Amino acid sequence: MTKPALGWVRHERPSSAWKAFLIAIAPLFVNTVAALSVFTAVTRSLLPVEIITYPNKVSGLVRLYWDILAVETGPQTQLLGLLGLWVGISLAVTAMPSTRDALNTIVVSLESEELERRLVYGPSVVLFLLAGSAFGFGLLYAVALTAVGLGGREALVAVRYDFVGYVFVSVIVTLTVERRGFVGILRSRLTNPGRSFLELTPVVLGRILALQRRIEADESLTDETIAFLVDHLDHSHWEVRYQSASALATFAWEDHGRLRSWTDRLVERAVAESVDSVRVKLLYSISVGAIPDTDRELLRDVSIDALTAESTDLRLVASQVIGRLAKADPELVSTHVETVLEALTDSELSETARGNLAVTISRIADEVPGAVRPYRDDLATYRTDSNEKVATFVERALERTADEAGVSQLASREG
């Protein structure tokens, strides 16, 4: 749940909660049966000896089977045995359902008739808890499945102490790493008893990450889904705000026109946001789309403020927004020429960003030359800048802001 899945099956929205639940739980049954079948094939078809005593570790159990294959069989059987062990263990560790399907089951069950909702909602929540803690519960299940598959009940009994060790590791991982897993959800439920399950912070994070994967897979989002992401930009937990803004930034790159209805909200959140990484995503979402007709002053102020922030990424995206604002309305940015000029000295900005800032100054000089004229001496130092774009547009700004004497001298030189 903390990382994107390596792959998933895209399918139609299930028409009922039962169908959604079956889709979600299918990998658990299919992988379990497949893993046990592979392990059975390895132990009964390829191993030439019968094991009397099993080792007390799962790794030792796997090593024992490989040692038997290596000593008692030929190269072809060894290859098949190794392949069988690898396939069986791979199926076992990936048997846990996906959080995406589990969440979908919860949502569909809540929209279903009362009886179906009561019967499916509870199991779907349990399924989500298992999927959300896949590294914890999934590891335990894989260990038990591998032991049973290779040696049956006797092998599972033999590795019971090793299994207890895995339980301990899983609990530690769930407590420290998987904050969005079982323990995280339980903690959130205890601290927010009146909040619905779908609005618990770990669950919200899971829903947002699932939407992020849909966007990355080029799936279309409904207006209701976009509104869900925008609404959670106000969430009290910074990570929820960050993941929502990140999903919107990805979506803006794919289809920025769809975000126009929410641009004002994005600007308001960028102004109110205190976490730089979230502001980066919000300003990026705005910069790739059309500059809003309203709230331009707010957008200008937050972007000018971001030009002096400690975060390099924030200064970079702020330079993009300032450039877009200067293109749409140069006069709006004309009172902040000094800040834009200071940003030109920022060695951590990319050459492209510095070039865009020079273009911004040039546009202001075209429309409001008086705003740039007091800074001509400072601008002149960039005439020989190593960035060709900076040098070109600084020269253009100097030409546009020359006083009458300067204009005459310029005309005589050109003559």
Protein backbone atom coordinates (compact mmCIF):
# COMPACT_ATOMS: atom_id res chain seq x y z
CA MET A 1 0.00 0.00 0.00
CA THR A 2 2.94 2.29 0.53
CA LYS A 3 4.31 1.63 -2.94
CA PRO A 4 2.65 1.37 -6.35
CA ALA A 5 1.78 -2.15 -7.43
CA LEU A 6 3.87 -3.73 -10.18
CA GLY A 7 0.69 -4.37 -12.12
CA TRP A 8 -3.06 -4.88 -11.84
CA VAL A 9 -6.06 -5.92 -13.87
CA ARG A 10 -8.32 -3.16 -15.15
CA HIS A 11 -11.99 -4.13 -15.11
CA GLU A 12 -15.47 -2.62 -15.16
CA ARG A 13 -16.97 -1.33 -11.92
CA PRO A 14 -18.74 -4.32 -10.30
CA SER A 15 -22.53 -4.14 -10.40
CA SER A 16 -22.90 -5.51 -6.86
CA ALA A 17 -20.98 -5.69 -3.60
CA TRP A 18 -20.77 -9.48 -3.87
CA LYS A 19 -19.04 -9.29 -7.24
CA ALA A 20 -16.66 -6.64 -5.93
CA PHE A 21 -15.82 -8.82 -2.94
CA LEU A 22 -15.19 -11.88 -5.11
CA ILE A 23 -12.90 -9.85 -7.37
CA ALA A 24 -10.97 -8.59 -4.35
CA ILE A 25 -10.58 -11.97 -2.66
CA ALA A 26 -9.88 -13.96 -5.85
CA PRO A 27 -6.04 -13.53 -5.69
CA LEU A 28 -5.99 -14.99 -2.17
CA PHE A 29 -7.75 -18.20 -3.27
CA VAL A 30 -6.10 -18.48 -6.68
CA ASN A 31 -2.55 -17.89 -5.40
CA THR A 32 -3.09 -20.21 -2.44
CA VAL A 33 -4.30 -23.10 -4.60
CA ALA A 34 -1.61 -22.44 -7.22
CA ALA A 35 1.20 -22.27 -4.63
CA LEU A 36 0.09 -25.48 -2.92
CA SER A 37 -0.19 -27.21 -6.31
CA VAL A 38 3.34 -26.16 -7.28
CA PHE A 39 4.80 -27.21 -3.92
CA THR A 40 3.00 -30.57 -4.17
CA ALA A 41 4.38 -31.11 -7.65
CA VAL A 42 7.89 -30.36 -6.41
CA THR A 43 7.74 -32.64 -3.35
CA ARG A 44 5.92 -35.60 -4.90
CA SER A 45 7.19 -35.61 -8.47
CA LEU A 46 10.78 -34.44 -8.19
CA LEU A 47 12.08 -35.48 -4.76
CA PRO A 48 13.42 -39.08 -4.81
CA VAL A 49 13.50 -39.50 -0.99
CA GLU A 50 11.00 -39.13 1.83
CA ILE A 51 11.77 -36.63 4.61
CA ILE A 52 11.43 -38.01 8.14
CA THR A 53 12.45 -35.00 10.25
CA TYR A 54 11.90 -31.41 9.25
CA PRO A 55 14.20 -28.49 10.17
CA ASN A 56 12.91 -25.85 12.57
CA LYS A 57 13.36 -22.93 10.17
CA VAL A 58 11.52 -22.10 6.96
CA SER A 59 14.79 -21.15 5.25
CA GLY A 60 16.23 -24.49 6.39
CA LEU A 61 13.20 -26.30 4.94
CA VAL A 62 13.73 -24.70 1.54
CA ARG A 63 17.48 -25.37 1.75
CA LEU A 64 16.84 -29.03 2.63
CA TYR A 65 14.74 -29.55 -0.48
CA TRP A 66 17.36 -27.88 -2.63
CA ASP A 67 20.16 -30.01 -1.12
CA ILE A 68 18.19 -33.17 -1.90
CA LEU A 69 17.65 -32.00 -5.45
CA ALA A 70 21.32 -31.12 -5.85
CA VAL A 71 22.63 -34.46 -4.53
CA GLU A 72 20.02 -36.99 -5.61
CA THR A 73 18.90 -35.70 -9.01
CA GLY A 74 20.28 -34.62 -12.36
CA PRO A 75 20.59 -31.11 -13.85
CA GLN A 76 17.18 -31.16 -15.54
CA THR A 77 15.34 -32.13 -12.34
CA GLN A 78 17.37 -29.59 -10.38
CA LEU A 79 16.29 -26.86 -12.78
CA LEU A 80 12.64 -27.88 -12.55
CA GLY A 81 12.84 -28.10 -8.77
CA LEU A 82 14.45 -24.68 -8.43
CA LEU A 83 11.86 -23.19 -10.78
CA GLY A 84 9.06 -24.83 -8.78
CA LEU A 85 10.36 -23.46 -5.48
CA TRP A 86 10.71 -19.97 -6.94
CA VAL A 87 7.23 -19.98 -8.49
CA GLY A 88 5.61 -21.43 -5.35
CA ILE A 89 7.22 -18.92 -2.99
CA SER A 90 6.42 -16.04 -5.39
CA LEU A 91 2.76 -17.07 -5.46
CA ALA A 92 2.71 -17.34 -1.65
CA VAL A 93 4.14 -13.87 -0.98
CA THR A 94 1.77 -12.20 -3.46
CA ALA A 95 -1.41 -13.91 -2.27
CA MET A 96 -2.72 -10.93 -0.29
CA PRO A 97 -5.49 -8.95 -2.07
CA SER A 98 -4.76 -5.46 -3.39
CA THR A 99 -5.82 -2.42 -1.36
CA ARG A 100 -7.37 -0.99 -4.50
CA ASP A 101 -9.84 -3.87 -4.90
CA ALA A 102 -10.51 -3.96 -1.15
CA LEU A 103 -11.32 -0.25 -1.09
CA ASN A 104 -13.53 -0.64 -4.14
CA THR A 105 -15.43 -3.38 -2.31
CA ILE A 106 -16.01 -1.09 0.69
CA VAL A 107 -17.27 1.76 -1.50
CA VAL A 108 -19.59 -0.50 -3.52
CA SER A 109 -20.94 -2.18 -0.37
CA LEU A 110 -21.83 1.19 1.16
CA GLU A 111 -23.84 2.02 -1.97
CA SER A 112 -25.69 -1.32 -1.94
CA GLU A 113 -29.01 -2.39 -0.47
CA GLU A 114 -29.16 -2.74 3.31
CA LEU A 115 -28.88 -6.56 3.50
CA GLU A 116 -26.03 -6.75 1.01
CA ARG A 117 -24.28 -3.87 2.74
CA ARG A 118 -24.47 -5.57 6.12
CA LEU A 119 -23.19 -8.89 4.77
CA VAL A 120 -20.32 -7.53 2.66
CA TYR A 121 -19.14 -4.37 4.43
CA GLY A 122 -17.60 -6.12 7.45
CA PRO A 123 -15.63 -8.74 5.47
CA SER A 124 -14.48 -6.09 3.00
CA VAL A 125 -13.09 -3.97 5.87
CA VAL A 126 -11.21 -7.03 7.19
CA LEU A 127 -9.94 -7.66 3.67
CA PHE A 128 -8.69 -4.07 3.45
CA LEU A 129 -6.90 -4.40 6.80
CA LEU A 130 -5.14 -7.53 5.57
CA ALA A 131 -4.24 -5.92 2.24
CA GLY A 132 -3.10 -2.71 3.90
CA SER A 133 -0.64 -4.65 6.06
CA ALA A 134 0.52 -6.92 3.25
CA PHE A 135 4.15 -6.89 4.40
CA GLY A 136 3.05 -7.97 7.88
CA PHE A 137 0.12 -10.34 7.38
CA GLY A 138 1.24 -11.22 3.87
CA LEU A 139 4.66 -12.33 5.14
CA LEU A 140 3.10 -14.52 7.85
CA TYR A 141 0.71 -16.08 5.37
CA ALA A 142 3.52 -16.76 2.89
CA VAL A 143 5.67 -18.42 5.59
CA ALA A 144 2.81 -20.67 6.71
CA LEU A 145 1.80 -21.51 3.13
CA THR A 146 5.37 -22.41 2.16
CA ALA A 147 5.79 -24.68 5.20
CA VAL A 148 2.45 -26.44 4.60
CA GLY A 149 3.12 -26.75 0.88
CA LEU A 150 6.54 -28.32 1.30
CA GLY A 151 5.88 -30.56 4.30
CA GLY A 152 2.28 -30.43 5.41
CA ARG A 153 1.24 -30.08 9.02
CA GLU A 154 4.45 -31.72 10.29
CA ALA A 155 6.60 -29.06 8.64
CA LEU A 156 4.42 -26.25 9.98
CA VAL A 157 4.75 -27.66 13.50
CA ALA A 158 8.52 -27.99 13.08
CA VAL A 159 8.94 -24.30 12.12
CA ARG A 160 6.54 -22.98 14.77
CA TYR A 161 9.29 -21.14 16.69
CA ASP A 162 10.64 -19.61 13.48
CA PHE A 163 7.06 -18.59 12.70
CA VAL A 164 6.79 -16.84 16.07
CA GLY A 165 9.90 -14.85 15.09
CA TYR A 166 8.21 -13.80 11.86
CA VAL A 167 5.16 -12.75 13.89
CA PHE A 168 7.38 -10.52 16.01
CA VAL A 169 9.02 -8.96 12.93
CA SER A 170 5.63 -8.40 11.31
CA VAL A 171 4.27 -6.65 14.40
CA ILE A 172 7.32 -4.36 14.54
CA VAL A 173 7.03 -3.57 10.83
CA THR A 174 3.31 -2.89 11.13
CA LEU A 175 3.88 -0.57 14.10
CA THR A 176 6.81 1.39 12.63
CA VAL A 177 6.62 1.22 8.84
CA GLU A 178 3.07 0.43 7.81
CA ARG A 179 1.33 3.38 9.45
CA ARG A 180 -1.46 2.89 6.93
CA GLY A 181 -1.87 -0.77 7.81
CA PHE A 182 -3.82 -2.58 10.51
CA VAL A 183 -2.27 -0.83 13.52
CA GLY A 184 -2.50 2.61 11.89
CA ILE A 185 -6.18 2.12 11.13
CA LEU A 186 -6.85 0.77 14.63
CA ARG A 187 -5.11 3.78 16.19
CA SER A 188 -7.04 6.15 13.96
CA ARG A 189 -10.32 4.46 14.86
CA LEU A 190 -9.61 4.74 18.60
CA THR A 191 -8.73 8.43 18.35
CA ASN A 192 -11.66 9.22 16.00
CA PRO A 193 -14.54 6.98 17.14
CA GLY A 194 -17.20 9.10 15.46
CA ARG A 195 -15.57 9.22 12.03
CA SER A 196 -16.69 6.85 9.26
CA PHE A 197 -14.26 4.13 8.24
CA LEU A 198 -13.68 5.64 4.79
CA GLU A 199 -12.69 8.96 6.37
CA LEU A 200 -10.06 7.51 8.71
CA THR A 201 -6.69 8.98 7.75
CA PRO A 202 -4.99 5.66 6.79
CA VAL A 203 -8.00 4.69 4.67
CA VAL A 204 -8.11 8.10 2.98
CA LEU A 205 -4.42 7.73 2.14
CA GLY A 206 -5.14 4.35 0.63
CA ARG A 207 -7.95 5.74 -1.49
CA ILE A 208 -5.78 8.62 -2.72
CA LEU A 209 -2.88 6.31 -3.60
CA ALA A 210 -5.30 4.06 -5.50
CA LEU A 211 -6.49 7.11 -7.47
CA GLN A 212 -2.86 8.06 -8.13
CA ARG A 213 -2.26 4.66 -9.70
CA ARG A 214 -5.39 5.06 -11.82
CA ILE A 215 -4.11 8.40 -13.10
CA GLU A 216 -0.68 6.92 -13.86
CA ALA A 217 -2.43 4.14 -15.80
CA ASP A 218 -4.19 6.79 -17.94
CA GLU A 219 -7.61 6.00 -16.52
CA SER A 220 -10.13 8.83 -16.65
CA LEU A 221 -11.45 10.35 -13.43
CA THR A 222 -14.98 11.58 -12.80
CA ASP A 223 -15.65 15.09 -11.53
CA GLU A 224 -16.71 13.50 -8.25
CA THR A 225 -13.30 11.85 -7.92
CA ILE A 226 -11.45 15.10 -8.68
CA ALA A 227 -13.61 16.86 -6.09
CA PHE A 228 -12.64 14.17 -3.56
CA LEU A 229 -8.95 14.98 -4.10
CA VAL A 230 -9.54 18.75 -3.94
CA ASP A 231 -11.62 18.44 -0.77
CA HIS A 232 -8.81 16.57 0.98
CA LEU A 233 -6.37 19.41 0.33
CA ASP A 234 -7.92 20.81 3.54
CA HIS A 235 -7.16 17.68 5.57
CA SER A 236 -5.44 18.11 8.94
CA HIS A 237 -2.80 15.48 8.15
CA TRP A 238 -0.03 16.86 5.92
CA GLU A 239 0.56 13.55 4.12
CA VAL A 240 -3.07 13.41 3.01
CA ARG A 241 -2.70 16.94 1.62
CA TYR A 242 0.58 16.02 -0.08
CA GLN A 243 -0.76 12.86 -1.71
CA SER A 244 -3.92 14.69 -2.85
CA ALA A 245 -1.84 17.51 -4.34
CA SER A 246 0.54 15.00 -5.93
CA ALA A 247 -2.35 13.14 -7.57
CA LEU A 248 -3.78 16.43 -8.86
CA ALA A 249 -0.38 17.46 -10.22
CA THR A 250 -0.12 14.19 -12.14
CA PHE A 251 -3.65 14.64 -13.43
CA ALA A 252 -2.95 18.27 -14.41
CA TRP A 253 -0.07 17.11 -16.58
CA GLU A 254 -2.34 14.61 -18.35
CA ASP A 255 -5.50 16.73 -18.64
CA HIS A 256 -5.09 20.25 -17.21
CA GLY A 257 -8.33 21.46 -18.80
CA ARG A 258 -10.38 19.34 -16.39
CA LEU A 259 -8.95 21.23 -13.39
CA ARG A 260 -10.12 24.69 -14.47
CA SER A 261 -13.26 24.49 -12.33
CA TRP A 262 -11.10 23.93 -9.24
CA THR A 263 -8.26 26.38 -9.97
CA ASP A 264 -9.56 28.95 -7.48
CA ARG A 265 -9.60 26.29 -4.76
CA LEU A 266 -6.05 25.30 -5.64
CA VAL A 267 -4.92 28.92 -5.35
CA GLU A 268 -6.61 29.31 -1.97
CA ARG A 269 -4.95 26.15 -0.69
CA ALA A 270 -1.54 27.23 -2.02
CA VAL A 271 -1.91 30.46 -0.04
CA ALA A 272 -2.95 28.68 3.16
CA GLU A 273 -0.52 25.74 2.89
CA SER A 274 2.47 25.76 5.26
CA VAL A 275 4.30 22.65 3.98
CA ASP A 276 6.64 23.44 1.09
CA SER A 277 6.35 20.02 -0.58
CA VAL A 278 2.55 20.41 -0.77
CA ARG A 279 2.84 23.96 -2.13
CA VAL A 280 5.15 22.68 -4.86
CA LYS A 281 2.50 20.25 -6.08
CA LEU A 282 -0.28 22.83 -5.85
CA LEU A 283 1.63 25.51 -7.76
CA TYR A 284 2.66 22.96 -10.36
CA SER A 285 -0.98 21.95 -10.88
CA ILE A 286 -1.79 25.62 -11.47
CA SER A 287 1.23 26.37 -13.67
CA VAL A 288 0.48 23.71 -16.31
CA GLY A 289 -3.09 24.97 -16.82
CA ALA A 290 -4.71 28.26 -17.68
CA ILE A 291 -4.06 31.15 -15.29
CA PRO A 292 -7.36 31.84 -13.47
CA ASP A 293 -9.25 35.06 -14.18
CA THR A 294 -9.95 35.50 -10.47
CA ASP A 295 -7.60 35.34 -7.47
CA ARG A 296 -4.64 36.39 -9.63
CA GLU A 297 -3.40 38.71 -6.90
CA LEU A 298 -3.44 35.83 -4.41
CA LEU A 299 -1.60 33.61 -6.87
CA ARG A 300 0.96 36.35 -7.51
CA ASP A 301 1.56 36.91 -3.81
CA VAL A 302 2.04 33.22 -2.97
CA SER A 303 4.34 32.77 -5.99
CA ILE A 304 6.46 35.82 -5.15
CA ASP A 305 6.74 34.56 -1.58
CA ALA A 306 7.76 31.13 -2.88
CA LEU A 307 10.59 32.68 -4.94
CA THR A 308 12.41 33.31 -1.65
CA ALA A 309 11.60 29.94 -0.03
CA GLU A 310 14.30 27.51 1.11
CA SER A 311 12.98 24.71 -1.11
CA THR A 312 14.65 24.71 -4.53
CA ASP A 313 11.69 22.86 -6.05
CA LEU A 314 9.31 25.50 -4.69
CA ARG A 315 11.40 28.35 -6.13
CA LEU A 316 11.51 26.56 -9.48
CA VAL A 317 7.76 26.06 -9.79
CA ALA A 318 7.16 29.60 -8.49
CA SER A 319 9.28 30.96 -11.35
CA GLN A 320 7.03 29.08 -13.78
CA VAL A 321 3.87 30.57 -12.28
CA ILE A 322 5.36 34.09 -12.25
CA GLY A 323 6.22 33.67 -15.92
CA ARG A 324 2.68 32.60 -16.74
CA LEU A 325 1.25 35.54 -14.79
CA ALA A 326 3.58 37.98 -16.57
CA LYS A 327 2.45 36.63 -19.91
CA ALA A 328 -1.24 37.01 -19.01
CA ASP A 329 -0.96 40.35 -17.16
CA PRO A 330 2.52 41.99 -16.97
CA GLU A 331 1.24 44.90 -14.90
CA LEU A 332 0.18 42.48 -12.17
CA VAL A 333 3.80 41.43 -11.57
CA SER A 334 5.35 44.85 -12.23
CA THR A 335 5.50 45.79 -8.53
CA HIS A 336 7.79 42.82 -7.78
CA VAL A 337 10.58 43.36 -10.29
CA GLU A 338 13.19 43.49 -7.51
CA THR A 339 12.24 40.04 -6.21
CA VAL A 340 12.27 38.55 -9.72
CA LEU A 341 15.65 40.15 -10.40
CA GLU A 342 17.09 38.74 -7.18
CA ALA A 343 15.89 35.30 -8.20
CA LEU A 344 18.09 35.57 -11.32
CA THR A 345 21.11 35.29 -9.02
CA ASP A 346 19.86 31.92 -7.66
CA SER A 347 22.55 29.44 -8.71
CA GLU A 348 20.35 26.47 -7.72
CA LEU A 349 17.66 27.33 -10.27
CA SER A 350 17.85 25.56 -13.61
CA GLU A 351 18.98 27.48 -16.67
CA THR A 352 15.47 27.14 -18.06
CA ALA A 353 13.97 28.75 -14.94
CA ARG A 354 16.46 31.64 -15.05
CA GLY A 355 15.63 32.14 -18.70
CA ASN A 356 11.92 32.28 -17.88
CA LEU A 357 12.57 34.91 -15.21
CA ALA A 358 14.46 37.03 -17.77
CA VAL A 359 11.48 36.69 -20.13
CA THR A 360 9.24 37.85 -17.28
CA ILE A 361 11.32 41.01 -16.78
CA SER A 362 11.29 41.65 -20.53
CA ARG A 363 7.48 41.37 -20.66
CA ILE A 364 7.12 43.81 -17.78
CA ALA A 365 9.50 46.19 -19.55
CA ASP A 366 7.33 46.00 -22.69
CA GLU A 367 4.12 46.96 -20.89
CA VAL A 368 5.29 48.86 -17.79
CA PRO A 369 8.79 50.17 -18.57
CA GLY A 370 8.73 52.52 -15.61
CA ALA A 371 8.64 49.55 -13.24
CA VAL A 372 11.89 48.14 -14.64
CA ARG A 373 13.80 51.38 -15.30
CA PRO A 374 15.07 51.82 -11.69
CA TYR A 375 16.86 48.46 -11.99
CA ARG A 376 18.68 49.10 -15.27
CA ASP A 377 22.13 49.11 -13.64
CA ASP A 378 21.44 45.75 -12.02
CA LEU A 379 20.07 44.35 -15.27
CA ALA A 380 23.13 45.50 -17.20
CA THR A 381 25.29 43.00 -15.30
CA TYR A 382 23.42 40.18 -17.04
CA ARG A 383 24.19 41.35 -20.58
CA THR A 384 27.04 38.87 -20.77
CA ASP A 385 25.38 36.10 -18.78
CA SER A 386 26.41 32.57 -19.75
CA ASN A 387 22.73 31.75 -20.24
CA GLU A 388 22.02 32.99 -23.76
CA LYS A 389 18.30 33.36 -23.08
CA VAL A 390 18.96 35.51 -19.99
CA ALA A 391 21.40 37.74 -21.89
CA THR A 392 19.02 38.14 -24.85
CA PHE A 393 15.94 39.12 -22.88
CA VAL A 394 17.86 41.32 -20.44
CA GLU A 395 19.18 43.26 -23.44
CA ARG A 396 15.65 43.56 -24.76
CA ALA A 397 14.42 44.86 -21.39
CA LEU A 398 17.25 47.43 -21.33
CA GLU A 399 16.26 48.64 -24.78
CA ARG A 400 12.60 48.98 -23.78
CA THR A 401 13.44 50.95 -20.63
CA ALA A 402 16.05 53.33 -22.07
CA ASP A 403 15.39 57.03 -21.36
CA GLU A 404 15.19 59.53 -24.21
CA ALA A 405 18.95 60.10 -24.27
CA GLY A 406 19.54 56.39 -24.21
CA VAL A 407 17.09 55.90 -27.07
CA SER A 408 18.92 58.54 -29.15
CA GLN A 409 22.31 56.91 -28.48
CA LEU A 410 20.85 53.50 -29.33
CA ALA A 411 19.40 54.84 -32.61
CA SER A 412 22.73 56.48 -33.55
CA ARG A 413 24.59 53.22 -32.90
CA GLU A 414 22.14 51.31 -35.04
CA GLY A 415 22.44 53.97 -37.75
